[in-house]
Protein backbone atom coordinates (compact mmCIF):
# COMPACT_ATOMS: atom_id res chain seq x y z
CA UNK A 1 -2.68 27.03 -9.29
CA UNK A 2 -0.33 25.41 -11.72
CA UNK A 3 -1.00 21.69 -11.76
CA UNK A 4 -1.51 21.08 -8.04
CA UNK A 5 -3.46 17.93 -7.14
CA UNK A 6 -6.65 18.41 -5.18
CA UNK A 7 -6.32 18.65 -1.41
CA UNK A 8 -8.77 15.81 -0.88
CA UNK A 9 -7.97 12.50 -2.63
CA UNK A 10 -10.78 11.30 -4.85
CA UNK A 11 -12.21 7.86 -4.03
CA UNK A 12 -11.21 5.02 -6.30
CA UNK A 13 -14.59 3.33 -6.22
CA UNK A 14 -17.99 4.94 -6.01
CA UNK A 15 -20.05 1.77 -6.45
CA UNK A 16 -23.06 1.19 -4.27
CA UNK A 17 -22.65 -2.05 -2.34
CA UNK A 18 -25.65 -4.32 -1.79
CA UNK A 19 -24.88 -7.03 0.75
CA UNK A 20 -26.84 -10.29 0.62
CA UNK A 21 -29.96 -10.11 2.74
CA UNK A 22 -30.80 -12.71 5.34
CA UNK A 23 -34.25 -13.62 6.67
CA UNK A 24 -34.41 -10.42 8.76
CA UNK A 25 -33.29 -7.99 6.06
CA UNK A 26 -29.61 -7.83 6.98
CA UNK A 27 -26.58 -9.92 6.04
CA UNK A 28 -25.93 -12.85 8.34
CA UNK A 29 -22.36 -12.03 9.35
CA UNK A 30 -22.58 -14.07 12.57
CA UNK A 31 -23.11 -17.24 10.57
CA UNK A 32 -20.78 -16.62 7.62
CA UNK A 33 -18.40 -13.90 8.87
CA UNK A 34 -17.69 -10.44 7.53
CA UNK A 35 -15.44 -11.58 4.70
CA UNK A 36 -18.02 -14.08 3.40
CA UNK A 37 -20.58 -11.33 2.91
CA UNK A 38 -17.97 -9.28 1.04
CA UNK A 39 -16.90 -12.13 -1.21
CA UNK A 40 -20.41 -13.30 -2.06
CA UNK A 41 -21.32 -9.92 -3.57
CA UNK A 42 -18.11 -9.67 -5.58
CA UNK A 43 -17.65 -6.11 -4.33
CA UNK A 44 -15.71 -4.80 -1.40
CA UNK A 45 -17.81 -2.58 0.87
CA UNK A 46 -15.83 0.54 1.63
CA UNK A 47 -15.99 2.98 4.44
CA UNK A 48 -15.99 6.56 3.07
CA UNK A 49 -12.49 7.18 4.50
CA UNK A 50 -10.99 3.84 3.47
CA UNK A 51 -10.05 4.82 -0.08
CA UNK A 52 -8.79 8.20 1.13
CA UNK A 53 -6.53 6.55 3.69
CA UNK A 54 -5.19 4.05 1.14
CA UNK A 55 -4.23 6.87 -1.22
CA UNK A 56 -2.93 9.30 1.41
CA UNK A 57 0.82 8.62 1.03
CA UNK A 58 0.66 8.58 -2.78
CA UNK A 59 -1.39 11.77 -2.83
CA UNK A 60 1.01 13.48 -0.42
CA UNK A 61 3.96 12.39 -2.58
CA UNK A 62 2.32 13.83 -5.73
CA UNK A 63 1.72 17.15 -3.97
CA UNK A 64 5.35 17.22 -2.80
CA UNK A 65 6.58 16.50 -6.34
CA UNK A 66 4.50 19.36 -7.76
CA UNK A 67 5.81 21.75 -5.08
CA UNK A 68 9.39 20.67 -5.81
CA UNK A 69 8.86 21.07 -9.54
CA UNK A 70 7.49 24.58 -9.12
CA UNK A 71 10.18 25.71 -6.68
CA UNK A 72 13.35 23.92 -7.89
CA UNK A 73 12.56 22.71 -11.38
CA UNK A 74 11.81 19.36 -12.97
CA UNK A 75 15.14 17.82 -11.92
CA UNK A 76 14.23 17.65 -8.20
CA UNK A 77 11.20 15.32 -8.44
CA UNK A 78 12.92 13.25 -11.14
CA UNK A 79 15.94 12.75 -8.90
CA UNK A 80 13.75 11.72 -5.96
CA UNK A 81 11.85 9.25 -8.14
CA UNK A 82 15.15 7.79 -9.37
CA UNK A 83 16.45 7.42 -5.79
CA UNK A 84 13.19 5.74 -4.70
CA UNK A 85 13.37 3.35 -7.65
CA UNK A 86 16.94 2.37 -6.76
CA UNK A 87 16.01 1.96 -3.07
CA UNK A 88 13.06 -0.28 -3.94
CA UNK A 89 15.34 -2.58 -5.98
CA UNK A 90 17.60 -3.35 -3.00
CA UNK A 91 16.76 -6.71 -1.47
CA UNK A 92 18.13 -9.19 0.96
CA UNK A 93 18.33 -12.91 0.43
CA UNK A 94 14.93 -14.52 -0.24
CA UNK A 95 14.73 -16.07 3.23
CA UNK A 96 15.31 -12.75 5.03
CA UNK A 97 12.65 -10.03 5.16
CA UNK A 98 13.81 -6.57 4.13
CA UNK A 99 13.39 -3.65 6.51
CA UNK A 100 13.20 -1.09 3.65
CA UNK A 101 15.15 1.37 5.78
CA UNK A 102 16.48 3.27 2.76
CA UNK A 103 12.96 3.71 1.31
CA UNK A 104 11.61 4.83 4.69
CA UNK A 105 14.41 7.39 4.96
CA UNK A 106 13.69 8.80 1.50
CA UNK A 107 9.95 9.07 2.13
CA UNK A 108 10.31 10.44 5.67
CA UNK A 109 8.52 7.50 7.29
CA UNK A 110 11.54 6.61 9.44
CA UNK A 111 10.45 9.19 12.03
CA UNK A 112 6.89 7.88 12.28
CA UNK A 113 5.44 4.93 14.17
CA UNK A 114 2.42 3.70 12.25
CA UNK A 115 -0.11 0.89 12.33
CA UNK A 116 2.10 -1.42 10.27
CA UNK A 117 5.07 -0.98 12.63
CA UNK A 118 3.56 -2.77 15.61
CA UNK A 119 0.67 -4.81 14.15
CA UNK A 120 2.59 -5.94 11.08
CA UNK A 121 1.36 -6.24 7.54
CA UNK A 122 -0.11 -9.72 6.91
CA UNK A 123 1.33 -9.71 3.38
CA UNK A 124 4.83 -9.50 4.85
CA UNK A 125 4.51 -12.44 7.20
CA UNK A 126 7.57 -14.32 8.31
CA UNK A 127 8.53 -17.28 6.21
CA UNK A 128 11.04 -19.90 7.04
CA UNK A 129 12.67 -22.02 4.42
CA UNK A 130 15.92 -23.43 3.23
CA UNK A 131 18.07 -20.46 2.19
CA UNK A 132 20.03 -22.42 -0.39
CA UNK A 133 16.94 -23.76 -2.14
CA UNK A 134 15.25 -20.34 -2.11
CA UNK A 135 18.34 -18.67 -3.61
CA UNK A 136 18.67 -21.35 -6.29
CA UNK A 137 15.03 -20.85 -7.19
CA UNK A 138 15.52 -17.09 -7.49
CA UNK A 139 18.50 -17.65 -9.78
CA UNK A 140 16.44 -20.14 -11.86
CA UNK A 141 18.79 -23.02 -11.08
CA UNK A 142 15.98 -25.31 -9.89
């Protein structure tokens, strides 16, 4: 095996998480919510598959790059990385959300319907504003 990544992604964190204990020996999530128990410890409790799922696309991409390098040479993964970099730089006006269609086509995600397609990513929420003011701010005119 010449430089292949492992088949199973390694977890990012391996810290043991101790949640705050309530009067009955468990965290009081009904009173403070799930996020409050996470924030109060300073650590994020992780499910064993959570870190694996977060790294899955990156890990798959690394394996594809190594396969391309071994079969076609170093130019193939470098060209794909360059095309992905150019596709990630394309943006719409600041008041319009980007669909990232070109990036999805390059990564092969345009054929898939995933969690983020119908439940939406909260980080990419819709924002409404004055297009002229947002563009002037991006151009450092304000």
